[in-house]
Amino acid sequence: MIIALERFTQVLDAEGRLTQRAAEYFEEITRAVNLNTPITGTGSPEGVVVGNPYQRYVNTAGASGSISYIKMTGDGDTGWVLE
């Protein structure tokens, strides 16, 4: 879940650097985008592609029934399941 930045939250400090709250907000947005952007490749990702839980993978050379995978467990290259 992305926590909204309050309406008048200061984004930059007096020296022009991101405030801590703004940096945390942009980190949350980046993490959400990365989880929702599928990884693409050819073949099965199992044992080959490193991903995070709930990340998607699209097999660009796949036939019907072997195209879309979702990472269900772990942080390494295993745990990919056909959708």
Protein backbone atom coordinates (compact mmCIF):
# COMPACT_ATOMS: atom_id res chain seq x y z
CA MET A 1 0.00 0.00 0.00
CA ILE A 2 1.31 3.42 -0.91
CA ILE A 3 0.79 6.07 1.75
CA ALA A 4 -0.19 9.39 0.18
CA LEU A 5 2.00 12.40 0.64
CA GLU A 6 0.09 14.95 2.70
CA ARG A 7 -1.07 18.00 0.74
CA PHE A 8 1.53 20.49 1.95
CA THR A 9 4.36 18.12 2.81
CA GLN A 10 7.72 19.74 2.26
CA VAL A 11 9.48 17.85 -0.53
CA LEU A 12 12.81 19.69 -0.53
CA ASP A 13 14.75 21.04 2.43
CA ALA A 14 16.40 24.48 2.56
CA GLU A 15 19.44 23.14 0.67
CA GLY A 16 17.37 21.63 -2.15
CA ARG A 17 17.62 18.00 -1.00
CA LEU A 18 14.70 15.60 -0.65
CA THR A 19 13.21 15.53 2.81
CA GLN A 20 13.15 12.16 4.59
CA ARG A 21 9.35 11.82 4.15
CA ALA A 22 9.55 12.62 0.43
CA ALA A 23 12.39 10.12 -0.05
CA GLU A 24 10.34 7.41 1.70
CA TYR A 25 7.33 8.23 -0.46
CA PHE A 26 9.30 7.98 -3.71
CA GLU A 27 10.85 4.71 -2.50
CA GLU A 28 7.32 3.30 -1.97
CA ILE A 29 6.27 4.40 -5.46
CA THR A 30 9.39 2.86 -7.03
CA ARG A 31 8.86 -0.43 -5.20
CA ALA A 32 5.21 -0.60 -6.33
CA VAL A 33 6.09 0.11 -9.96
CA ASN A 34 8.85 -2.51 -9.95
CA LEU A 35 6.48 -5.16 -8.58
CA ASN A 36 3.89 -4.37 -11.23
CA THR A 37 6.27 -4.29 -14.18
CA PRO A 38 6.70 -7.80 -15.59
CA ILE A 39 10.09 -9.27 -16.36
CA THR A 40 10.28 -10.60 -19.91
CA GLY A 41 12.39 -13.36 -21.37
CA THR A 42 12.25 -16.60 -23.32
CA GLY A 43 11.53 -19.92 -21.68
CA SER A 44 10.54 -20.77 -18.14
CA PRO A 45 11.93 -18.48 -15.41
CA GLU A 46 12.16 -21.31 -12.87
CA GLY A 47 15.75 -21.74 -11.73
CA VAL A 48 16.91 -18.97 -14.08
CA VAL A 49 15.29 -15.62 -13.30
CA VAL A 50 15.65 -13.92 -9.91
CA GLY A 51 12.53 -12.10 -8.76
CA ASN A 52 10.56 -10.96 -5.75
CA PRO A 53 7.33 -12.52 -4.48
CA TYR A 54 4.30 -11.56 -6.61
CA GLN A 55 6.46 -10.29 -9.45
CA ARG A 56 5.34 -11.34 -12.92
CA TYR A 57 7.32 -12.88 -15.78
CA VAL A 58 6.21 -13.09 -19.42
CA ASN A 59 7.71 -15.77 -21.67
CA THR A 60 7.87 -13.94 -25.00
CA ALA A 61 8.48 -17.20 -26.89
CA GLY A 62 5.78 -19.18 -25.06
CA ALA A 63 2.81 -21.01 -26.47
CA SER A 64 -0.67 -20.83 -25.03
CA GLY A 65 -0.59 -21.98 -21.42
CA SER A 66 3.11 -21.25 -20.87
CA ILE A 67 3.32 -17.50 -21.21
CA SER A 68 2.58 -15.83 -17.87
CA TYR A 69 4.24 -16.72 -14.55
CA ILE A 70 4.01 -15.25 -11.08
CA LYS A 71 6.67 -15.52 -8.37
CA MET A 72 4.96 -17.11 -5.38
CA THR A 73 7.80 -17.84 -2.95
CA GLY A 74 11.31 -16.81 -2.05
CA ASP A 75 13.69 -14.15 -3.24
CA GLY A 76 15.91 -16.24 -5.54
CA ASP A 77 15.32 -17.87 -8.91
CA THR A 78 12.77 -20.49 -7.79
CA GLY A 79 9.10 -20.26 -6.89
CA TRP A 80 7.72 -19.27 -10.30
CA VAL A 81 4.22 -20.65 -11.05
CA LEU A 82 2.28 -20.55 -14.31
CA GLU A 83 -0.77 -18.31 -14.12
